[in-house]
């Protein structure tokens, strides 16, 4: 009898050794741990972040793992839920061109279990790399069908990846890890209905928390002797049939496990808002680097990019119904960058200021055939600005900044963390966190990574 796909993926996650992982993949895992914690610190200062932190310790109590920002501990499920939610709020978590956002669920789940289990840093790194090996391949395979159905990838792929990472950190044997993965597949859920109901729901960010908590819960169930179906992914009624393009579509999908380490394809975000707006922000910033522009003199703006950045409609909406959805619109991001020079989360406060509102109605968006032909291997764009008097300015970027082909350096990520934690944590605490993450494989245990975020935070929502 052939090995089931669930067993095969669990065996990979359980058996991957640090020595098998290229340094580039290890380095990305280290950066992801640091960047995810830093992004969650920024998320803590929001009202939703503080509600999530309080919920984690009060409603899911325990003494297993630290909740970022709050300085208190919760159960591993509670910490995973709270930290993952906080890591998603600002929209500055990692991104993959065809598999969406992975770290916001995987890293908090892994850290929550690793802290309780005393997992060494080398095991944490291997766990995260293995989870990405599965999440990226599976996410890229199902994304078009899930987009058509209105599903949110971080809610469907997230629990599976979180279970693999958390289960490896818990030291599960391959058969137990297979049960955790199979059980997590039955917790896969989450829609993007939130984009149509902004301001009235919190699920855009809570879905990451659901996924991380589900991953940890699946591990606890497996530890308790509960079993999941081995056809949970590719069986007749498994994940691919229920939430993807069909049960018979996985042939060859995982044949290059151990050869291609997909974590190295991860992008880190230098801006707020949807990743599919960042190429336009980068082009505007390149344009402004050649000289300032008077926003009042702008008469027309044209953005030429790939089709996936322009659909569904909320991605090009010039009149989004609220700030949260404004961050998903390439028209808003382009206008905001032209007026303010950046699209940092704090800039989106001005999404509906008169100058930004005027410009976002002047932004024309279109698919560039050359850019479209290169996507997803490239995710660039061209921005053209027509000025009063007939002058024009333009700039082109082949990749959004932060992609592996246009990477953020360690110093860039540290500067981002300092900015996110400004007024909440001392600069030397962020430097200490960065230093420990930089030598993650040498750490005997990893609980003190989250403990560093505990003091002396001020509980005042931004």
Protein backbone atom coordinates (compact mmCIF):
# COMPACT_ATOMS: atom_id res chain seq x y z
CA UNK A 1 0.00 0.00 0.00
CA UNK A 2 1.41 3.36 -1.02
CA UNK A 3 2.11 6.00 1.61
CA UNK A 4 -0.68 8.55 1.98
CA UNK A 5 0.05 12.19 1.21
CA UNK A 6 -0.66 13.11 4.83
CA UNK A 7 1.89 10.55 6.04
CA UNK A 8 4.39 11.70 3.44
CA UNK A 9 4.16 15.37 4.42
CA UNK A 10 4.28 14.56 8.12
CA UNK A 11 7.35 12.39 7.61
CA UNK A 12 9.05 15.27 5.82
CA UNK A 13 8.20 17.73 8.58
CA UNK A 14 9.24 15.34 11.35
CA UNK A 15 12.43 14.17 9.72
CA UNK A 16 13.92 17.29 8.14
CA UNK A 17 17.29 17.93 9.77
CA UNK A 18 18.94 21.29 10.13
CA UNK A 19 22.00 20.04 8.28
CA UNK A 20 19.85 19.32 5.21
CA UNK A 21 18.63 22.90 5.03
CA UNK A 22 20.62 25.40 2.96
CA UNK A 23 21.88 28.49 4.76
CA UNK A 24 19.64 30.74 2.66
CA UNK A 25 16.56 28.90 3.95
CA UNK A 26 17.80 28.99 7.54
CA UNK A 27 18.50 32.71 7.26
CA UNK A 28 14.98 33.37 5.99
CA UNK A 29 13.51 31.38 8.90
CA UNK A 30 15.53 33.46 11.37
CA UNK A 31 14.34 36.66 9.73
CA UNK A 32 10.74 35.46 9.76
CA UNK A 33 10.82 34.84 13.51
CA UNK A 34 12.22 38.31 14.15
CA UNK A 35 9.94 40.09 11.68
CA UNK A 36 6.79 38.30 12.88
CA UNK A 37 7.46 39.13 16.53
CA UNK A 38 8.21 42.76 15.61
CA UNK A 39 5.07 43.05 13.49
CA UNK A 40 3.00 41.62 16.36
CA UNK A 41 4.53 44.18 18.73
CA UNK A 42 3.22 46.86 16.38
CA UNK A 43 -0.15 45.12 16.27
CA UNK A 44 -0.33 45.08 20.06
CA UNK A 45 -0.58 48.86 20.21
CA UNK A 46 -3.92 48.81 18.35
CA UNK A 47 -7.28 48.37 20.12
CA UNK A 48 -7.85 45.02 18.38
CA UNK A 49 -4.38 43.87 19.36
CA UNK A 50 -4.98 44.61 23.00
CA UNK A 51 -8.35 42.88 22.90
CA UNK A 52 -6.72 39.81 21.36
CA UNK A 53 -3.94 39.80 23.96
CA UNK A 54 -6.40 40.13 26.82
CA UNK A 55 -8.64 37.43 25.37
CA UNK A 56 -5.70 35.05 25.08
CA UNK A 57 -4.75 35.28 28.75
CA UNK A 58 -8.25 35.63 30.21
CA UNK A 59 -10.31 33.19 28.11
CA UNK A 60 -7.59 30.71 27.13
CA UNK A 61 -5.57 30.79 30.35
CA UNK A 62 -2.49 28.84 31.24
CA UNK A 63 1.22 29.10 31.88
CA UNK A 64 2.57 27.60 28.66
CA UNK A 65 3.59 30.57 26.50
CA UNK A 66 3.99 34.34 26.61
CA UNK A 67 1.55 36.73 24.97
CA UNK A 68 3.39 39.46 23.11
CA UNK A 69 3.12 42.88 24.68
CA UNK A 70 0.98 41.99 27.63
CA UNK A 71 3.72 40.56 29.80
CA UNK A 72 1.52 37.65 30.87
CA UNK A 73 1.27 33.99 29.93
CA UNK A 74 -1.55 31.89 28.52
CA UNK A 75 -2.12 28.38 27.28
CA UNK A 76 -0.24 27.59 24.07
CA UNK A 77 -3.55 27.93 22.22
CA UNK A 78 -4.22 31.30 23.81
CA UNK A 79 -0.76 32.65 23.03
CA UNK A 80 -0.87 31.34 19.46
CA UNK A 81 -4.28 32.95 18.88
CA UNK A 82 -3.34 36.31 20.38
CA UNK A 83 0.12 36.58 18.86
CA UNK A 84 -1.04 35.53 15.40
CA UNK A 85 -3.89 38.02 15.43
CA UNK A 86 -1.53 40.80 16.52
CA UNK A 87 0.93 39.76 13.82
CA UNK A 88 -1.66 40.28 11.10
CA UNK A 89 -3.29 43.55 12.16
CA UNK A 90 -0.83 45.97 10.55
CA UNK A 91 -0.68 44.01 7.29
CA UNK A 92 3.12 44.08 7.42
CA UNK A 93 3.58 40.33 7.81
CA UNK A 94 5.41 38.27 5.20
CA UNK A 95 3.96 37.41 1.81
CA UNK A 96 4.49 34.88 -0.97
CA UNK A 97 3.61 35.73 -4.56
CA UNK A 98 1.42 32.67 -5.04
CA UNK A 99 0.74 31.37 -1.52
CA UNK A 100 -0.21 34.44 0.49
CA UNK A 101 0.66 35.05 4.13
CA UNK A 102 2.16 32.17 6.07
CA UNK A 103 4.29 33.45 8.94
CA UNK A 104 1.43 35.15 10.80
CA UNK A 105 0.01 31.70 11.62
CA UNK A 106 3.07 29.44 11.55
CA UNK A 107 5.52 31.44 13.67
CA UNK A 108 3.16 32.18 16.61
CA UNK A 109 1.99 28.55 16.72
CA UNK A 110 5.55 27.24 16.64
CA UNK A 111 6.77 29.71 19.26
CA UNK A 112 3.86 28.95 21.59
CA UNK A 113 4.58 25.23 21.60
CA UNK A 114 8.36 25.64 21.52
CA UNK A 115 8.26 27.82 24.61
CA UNK A 116 6.23 25.28 26.55
CA UNK A 117 8.19 22.26 25.30
CA UNK A 118 11.64 23.76 25.75
CA UNK A 119 12.35 23.33 22.05
CA UNK A 120 15.86 24.40 21.00
CA UNK A 121 16.30 26.99 18.29
CA UNK A 122 17.64 24.52 15.73
CA UNK A 123 14.39 22.54 15.96
CA UNK A 124 12.32 25.71 15.64
CA UNK A 125 14.17 26.65 12.45
CA UNK A 126 13.67 23.18 10.94
CA UNK A 127 9.98 23.23 11.92
CA UNK A 128 9.34 26.56 10.20
CA UNK A 129 11.21 25.55 7.05
CA UNK A 130 9.27 22.28 6.82
CA UNK A 131 5.94 24.06 7.32
CA UNK A 132 6.75 26.44 4.47
CA UNK A 133 7.69 23.50 2.25
CA UNK A 134 4.10 22.32 2.50
CA UNK A 135 2.26 25.65 2.78
CA UNK A 136 3.79 27.27 -0.30
CA UNK A 137 3.25 24.28 -2.59
CA UNK A 138 -0.29 23.67 -1.39
CA UNK A 139 -1.24 27.35 -1.31
CA UNK A 140 0.02 28.01 -4.82
CA UNK A 141 -1.90 24.97 -6.05
CA UNK A 142 -5.29 25.94 -4.61
CA UNK A 143 -5.17 29.74 -4.70
CA UNK A 144 -7.13 30.31 -7.91
CA UNK A 145 -9.96 27.99 -6.89
CA UNK A 146 -10.05 29.42 -3.39
CA UNK A 147 -10.10 32.97 -4.73
CA UNK A 148 -13.06 32.04 -6.93
CA UNK A 149 -14.92 30.68 -3.91
CA UNK A 150 -14.08 33.61 -1.64
CA UNK A 151 -11.82 31.63 0.68
CA UNK A 152 -8.93 33.19 2.59
CA UNK A 153 -5.67 31.26 2.10
CA UNK A 154 -4.34 32.06 5.54
CA UNK A 155 -7.45 30.48 7.04
CA UNK A 156 -7.32 27.34 4.90
CA UNK A 157 -3.59 26.69 4.53
CA UNK A 158 -2.69 28.28 7.87
CA UNK A 159 -3.99 25.52 10.19
CA UNK A 160 -2.14 22.80 8.26
CA UNK A 161 1.15 24.67 8.23
CA UNK A 162 0.77 25.72 11.87
CA UNK A 163 0.09 22.11 12.90
CA UNK A 164 3.21 20.88 11.13
CA UNK A 165 5.42 23.54 12.70
CA UNK A 166 3.90 23.24 16.18
CA UNK A 167 3.91 19.44 16.04
CA UNK A 168 7.58 19.32 15.10
CA UNK A 169 8.34 21.70 18.00
CA UNK A 170 6.33 19.44 20.33
CA UNK A 171 8.48 16.47 19.26
CA UNK A 172 5.63 14.45 17.76
CA UNK A 173 6.55 11.18 16.09
CA UNK A 174 5.71 11.04 12.35
CA UNK A 175 2.46 9.09 12.90
CA UNK A 176 1.27 11.56 15.54
CA UNK A 177 2.26 14.49 13.33
CA UNK A 178 0.25 12.93 10.50
CA UNK A 179 -2.77 12.85 12.82
CA UNK A 180 -2.22 16.51 13.72
CA UNK A 181 -2.00 17.48 10.04
CA UNK A 182 -5.12 15.48 9.17
CA UNK A 183 -7.07 16.96 12.07
CA UNK A 184 -5.95 20.47 11.12
CA UNK A 185 -7.25 19.91 7.59
CA UNK A 186 -10.71 19.54 9.09
CA UNK A 187 -10.28 22.90 10.82
CA UNK A 188 -9.37 24.72 7.60
CA UNK A 189 -11.77 27.60 7.14
CA UNK A 190 -12.06 31.31 6.55
CA UNK A 191 -13.64 33.57 3.94
CA UNK A 192 -12.82 37.04 2.69
CA UNK A 193 -16.33 38.31 3.33
CA UNK A 194 -14.70 40.83 5.65
CA UNK A 195 -13.71 42.99 2.68
CA UNK A 196 -17.40 43.63 2.05
CA UNK A 197 -18.18 44.44 5.69
CA UNK A 198 -15.35 46.72 6.85
CA UNK A 199 -15.72 48.30 10.22
CA UNK A 200 -18.35 45.78 11.29
CA UNK A 201 -16.13 42.72 11.79
CA UNK A 202 -12.60 41.80 12.84
CA UNK A 203 -12.09 38.60 10.89
CA UNK A 204 -9.43 39.91 8.48
CA UNK A 205 -6.95 39.58 11.33
CA UNK A 206 -8.70 37.05 13.55
CA UNK A 207 -8.45 34.43 10.79
CA UNK A 208 -4.70 34.30 11.36
CA UNK A 209 -5.39 33.74 15.06
CA UNK A 210 -7.93 31.02 14.28
CA UNK A 211 -5.36 29.24 12.09
CA UNK A 212 -2.56 29.38 14.65
CA UNK A 213 -4.81 28.23 17.48
CA UNK A 214 -6.22 25.42 15.31
CA UNK A 215 -2.72 24.23 14.52
CA UNK A 216 -1.84 24.04 18.22
CA UNK A 217 -5.20 22.42 19.06
CA UNK A 218 -4.62 19.78 16.38
CA UNK A 219 -1.25 18.99 17.99
CA UNK A 220 -2.87 18.66 21.41
CA UNK A 221 -5.52 16.34 19.97
CA UNK A 222 -2.87 14.16 18.36
CA UNK A 223 -0.98 14.04 21.66
CA UNK A 224 -4.23 12.91 23.27
CA UNK A 225 -4.57 9.97 20.92
CA UNK A 226 -7.12 11.38 18.48
CA UNK A 227 -6.71 10.31 14.86
CA UNK A 228 -7.40 12.08 11.58
CA UNK A 229 -8.10 10.60 8.13
CA UNK A 230 -5.04 9.83 6.03
CA UNK A 231 -6.94 11.06 2.98
CA UNK A 232 -7.46 14.44 4.64
CA UNK A 233 -5.69 16.26 1.81
CA UNK A 234 -6.04 14.20 -1.38
CA UNK A 235 -8.82 11.76 -0.51
CA UNK A 236 -12.18 11.68 -2.37
CA UNK A 237 -13.64 14.15 0.14
CA UNK A 238 -10.37 15.66 1.35
CA UNK A 239 -9.00 19.19 1.34
CA UNK A 240 -8.23 19.36 -2.37
CA UNK A 241 -11.73 18.23 -3.30
CA UNK A 242 -13.57 20.37 -0.76
CA UNK A 243 -11.42 23.51 -0.89
CA UNK A 244 -9.35 23.16 -4.05
CA UNK A 245 -9.30 22.14 -7.71
CA UNK A 246 -10.06 18.44 -7.10
CA UNK A 247 -8.86 15.34 -5.31
CA UNK A 248 -6.81 14.09 -8.27
CA UNK A 249 -4.69 17.21 -8.80
CA UNK A 250 -1.79 16.68 -6.40
CA UNK A 251 0.32 14.37 -8.59
CA UNK A 252 3.91 15.62 -8.55
CA UNK A 253 3.08 18.58 -6.33
CA UNK A 254 5.49 17.54 -3.60
CA UNK A 255 8.05 15.61 -5.64
CA UNK A 256 10.80 18.18 -5.04
CA UNK A 257 10.56 18.20 -1.24
CA UNK A 258 14.08 18.35 0.14
CA UNK A 259 15.38 19.94 -3.07
CA UNK A 260 13.46 23.21 -3.36
CA UNK A 261 13.13 25.06 -0.07
CA UNK A 262 10.21 27.37 -0.70
CA UNK A 263 10.79 29.51 2.36
CA UNK A 264 13.48 31.32 0.36
CA UNK A 265 10.73 32.66 -1.93
CA UNK A 266 9.24 34.65 0.93
CA UNK A 267 8.87 38.43 0.69
CA UNK A 268 9.12 40.85 3.59
CA UNK A 269 6.93 43.93 3.60
CA UNK A 270 8.39 47.44 3.79
CA UNK A 271 4.94 49.07 3.48
CA UNK A 272 1.49 48.64 4.98
CA UNK A 273 -1.54 47.41 3.09
CA UNK A 274 -1.99 44.57 0.62
CA UNK A 275 1.18 43.15 -0.94
CA UNK A 276 -0.39 43.60 -4.37
CA UNK A 277 -0.25 47.39 -3.91
CA UNK A 278 3.41 47.54 -2.96
CA UNK A 279 4.85 47.53 -6.46
CA UNK A 280 2.95 50.75 -7.15
CA UNK A 281 4.21 52.34 -3.93
CA UNK A 282 7.77 51.33 -4.84
CA UNK A 283 7.40 52.87 -8.31
CA UNK A 284 6.06 56.11 -6.81
CA UNK A 285 8.94 56.26 -4.36
CA UNK A 286 11.42 55.70 -7.19
CA UNK A 287 9.70 58.46 -9.13
CA UNK A 288 9.86 60.83 -6.15
CA UNK A 289 13.53 60.03 -5.62
CA UNK A 290 14.17 61.92 -8.88
CA UNK A 291 12.54 65.02 -7.45
CA UNK A 292 9.47 66.10 -5.47
CA UNK A 293 6.02 66.45 -6.98
CA UNK A 294 3.26 68.86 -6.06
CA UNK A 295 0.20 66.62 -5.62
CA UNK A 296 -2.04 69.53 -6.60
CA UNK A 297 -0.33 69.65 -10.01
CA UNK A 298 -1.07 66.01 -10.83
CA UNK A 299 -3.75 65.60 -13.50
CA UNK A 300 -3.57 61.87 -14.25
CA UNK A 301 -1.90 58.78 -12.84
CA UNK A 302 -1.58 55.47 -14.70
CA UNK A 303 -0.58 52.20 -13.04
CA UNK A 304 0.34 49.27 -15.31
CA UNK A 305 0.78 45.96 -13.53
CA UNK A 306 -0.34 42.30 -13.42
CA UNK A 307 -3.96 41.15 -13.46
CA UNK A 308 -4.02 39.46 -10.04
CA UNK A 309 -3.38 42.86 -8.42
CA UNK A 310 -6.53 44.29 -9.97
CA UNK A 311 -9.24 41.79 -9.06
CA UNK A 312 -11.58 41.43 -7.23
CA UNK A 313 -12.94 44.96 -7.33
CA UNK A 314 -11.89 45.89 -3.80
CA UNK A 315 -8.28 45.83 -5.02
CA UNK A 316 -8.96 48.76 -7.37
CA UNK A 317 -11.81 50.49 -5.52
CA UNK A 318 -11.29 54.28 -5.51
CA UNK A 319 -13.93 54.64 -2.80
CA UNK A 320 -13.35 51.88 -0.25
CA UNK A 321 -15.87 51.83 2.58
CA UNK A 322 -13.30 52.09 5.38
CA UNK A 323 -9.66 52.27 6.39
CA UNK A 324 -9.13 48.50 6.56
CA UNK A 325 -10.28 47.95 2.98
CA UNK A 326 -8.47 51.09 1.84
CA UNK A 327 -5.27 49.20 2.53
CA UNK A 328 -6.26 46.64 -0.11
CA UNK A 329 -6.78 49.16 -2.94
CA UNK A 330 -3.94 49.91 -5.35
CA UNK A 331 -5.60 53.22 -6.21
CA UNK A 332 -5.54 54.31 -2.58
CA UNK A 333 -1.96 53.14 -2.01
CA UNK A 334 -0.71 54.93 -5.13
CA UNK A 335 -2.45 58.16 -4.19
CA UNK A 336 -1.26 57.93 -0.60
CA UNK A 337 2.36 57.45 -1.69
CA UNK A 338 2.15 60.41 -4.05
CA UNK A 339 0.85 62.67 -1.29
CA UNK A 340 2.83 61.40 1.70
CA UNK A 341 5.81 59.71 0.10
CA UNK A 342 5.14 56.40 1.85
CA UNK A 343 2.43 53.88 2.70
CA UNK A 344 3.36 52.96 6.24
CA UNK A 345 0.43 51.85 8.43
CA UNK A 346 0.33 55.30 10.01
CA UNK A 347 -0.03 56.85 6.54
CA UNK A 348 -3.30 55.01 5.98
CA UNK A 349 -4.89 57.23 8.62
CA UNK A 350 -4.92 59.81 5.81
CA UNK A 351 -6.53 57.50 3.26
CA UNK A 352 -9.58 59.76 2.94
CA UNK A 353 -7.90 63.16 3.28
CA UNK A 354 -9.01 65.53 0.49
CA UNK A 355 -5.68 65.47 -1.37
CA UNK A 356 -5.55 61.66 -1.31
CA UNK A 357 -9.22 61.37 -2.24
CA UNK A 358 -8.69 63.60 -5.29
CA UNK A 359 -5.73 61.60 -6.51
CA UNK A 360 -7.21 58.16 -6.02
CA UNK A 361 -9.98 59.16 -8.45
CA UNK A 362 -7.31 60.17 -10.98
CA UNK A 363 -5.51 56.83 -10.82
CA UNK A 364 -6.12 54.60 -13.84
CA UNK A 365 -5.18 50.94 -13.53
CA UNK A 366 -4.52 48.52 -16.34
CA UNK A 367 -2.88 45.18 -17.03
CA UNK A 368 0.54 45.49 -18.67
CA UNK A 369 0.92 42.52 -21.05
CA UNK A 370 4.66 42.20 -20.37
CA UNK A 371 4.25 42.36 -16.61
CA UNK A 372 1.34 39.92 -16.78
CA UNK A 373 3.37 37.48 -18.87
CA UNK A 374 6.14 37.53 -16.25
CA UNK A 375 3.85 37.11 -13.20
CA UNK A 376 4.29 35.40 -10.74
CA UNK A 377 8.02 35.19 -11.49
CA UNK A 378 7.95 38.99 -11.34
CA UNK A 379 5.49 41.34 -9.65
CA UNK A 380 6.46 44.79 -10.87
CA UNK A 381 4.70 47.73 -12.47
CA UNK A 382 5.07 51.12 -14.13
CA UNK A 383 3.56 54.30 -12.73
CA UNK A 384 3.12 57.30 -15.01
CA UNK A 385 2.15 60.73 -13.72
CA UNK A 386 0.85 63.54 -15.97
CA UNK A 387 1.30 67.05 -14.60
CA UNK A 388 -0.31 70.39 -15.33
CA UNK A 389 1.48 72.03 -18.22
CA UNK A 390 2.05 68.77 -20.08
CA UNK A 391 5.07 67.33 -18.25
CA UNK A 392 5.11 63.63 -17.38
CA UNK A 393 7.10 61.52 -14.94
CA UNK A 394 7.33 57.76 -14.79
CA UNK A 395 9.12 54.95 -12.98
CA UNK A 396 9.25 51.17 -13.37
CA UNK A 397 10.09 48.43 -10.88
CA UNK A 398 10.50 44.78 -11.94
CA UNK A 399 9.86 43.46 -8.41
CA UNK A 400 8.14 44.82 -5.34
CA UNK A 401 10.72 45.73 -2.73
CA UNK A 402 11.22 42.95 -0.18
CA UNK A 403 10.95 40.12 -2.71
CA UNK A 404 13.91 37.70 -2.79
CA UNK A 405 15.08 39.45 -5.96
CA UNK A 406 14.91 42.87 -4.22
CA UNK A 407 15.47 41.86 -0.61
CA UNK A 408 15.28 43.79 2.60
CA UNK A 409 18.53 43.50 4.52
CA UNK A 410 18.86 42.56 8.17
CA UNK A 411 19.40 46.24 8.87
CA UNK A 412 16.19 47.08 6.99
CA UNK A 413 14.23 44.57 9.07
CA UNK A 414 15.76 45.87 12.27
CA UNK A 415 14.87 49.46 11.30
CA UNK A 416 11.30 48.30 10.59
CA UNK A 417 11.14 46.66 14.02
CA UNK A 418 12.45 49.77 15.75
CA UNK A 419 9.77 51.84 14.02
CA UNK A 420 6.99 49.41 14.93
CA UNK A 421 8.10 49.27 18.58
CA UNK A 422 8.86 52.97 18.96
CA UNK A 423 7.37 54.21 22.23
CA UNK A 424 6.56 50.68 23.35
CA UNK A 425 9.91 48.98 23.81
CA UNK A 426 13.39 50.40 24.37
CA UNK A 427 15.66 50.31 21.35
CA UNK A 428 18.13 48.04 23.13
CA UNK A 429 15.38 45.47 23.69
CA UNK A 430 14.70 45.30 19.95
CA UNK A 431 18.44 44.99 19.36
CA UNK A 432 18.57 42.12 21.87
CA UNK A 433 15.66 40.39 20.14
CA UNK A 434 17.39 40.80 16.79
CA UNK A 435 20.65 39.42 18.17
CA UNK A 436 18.96 36.32 19.59
CA UNK A 437 17.03 35.66 16.39
CA UNK A 438 20.25 36.06 14.38
CA UNK A 439 21.75 33.10 16.29
CA UNK A 440 18.52 31.18 16.62
CA UNK A 441 20.08 27.79 15.87
CA UNK A 442 22.44 28.21 18.83
CA UNK A 443 19.70 28.91 21.39
CA UNK A 444 19.13 26.09 23.87
CA UNK A 445 15.50 27.16 24.26
CA UNK A 446 13.31 29.83 22.69
CA UNK A 447 10.81 30.98 25.32
CA UNK A 448 12.82 34.10 26.14
CA UNK A 449 12.22 35.48 22.64
CA UNK A 450 8.63 36.34 23.55
CA UNK A 451 9.56 37.23 27.12
CA UNK A 452 11.63 40.09 25.71
CA UNK A 453 8.46 41.79 24.49
CA UNK A 454 6.95 42.14 27.94
CA UNK A 455 8.47 45.28 29.42
CA UNK A 456 7.95 48.10 29.75
CA UNK A 457 4.99 48.39 27.42
CA UNK A 458 2.44 51.16 27.71
CA UNK A 459 -1.12 49.94 27.16
CA UNK A 460 -2.33 52.88 25.11
CA UNK A 461 -3.86 52.07 21.71
CA UNK A 462 -2.46 54.00 18.79
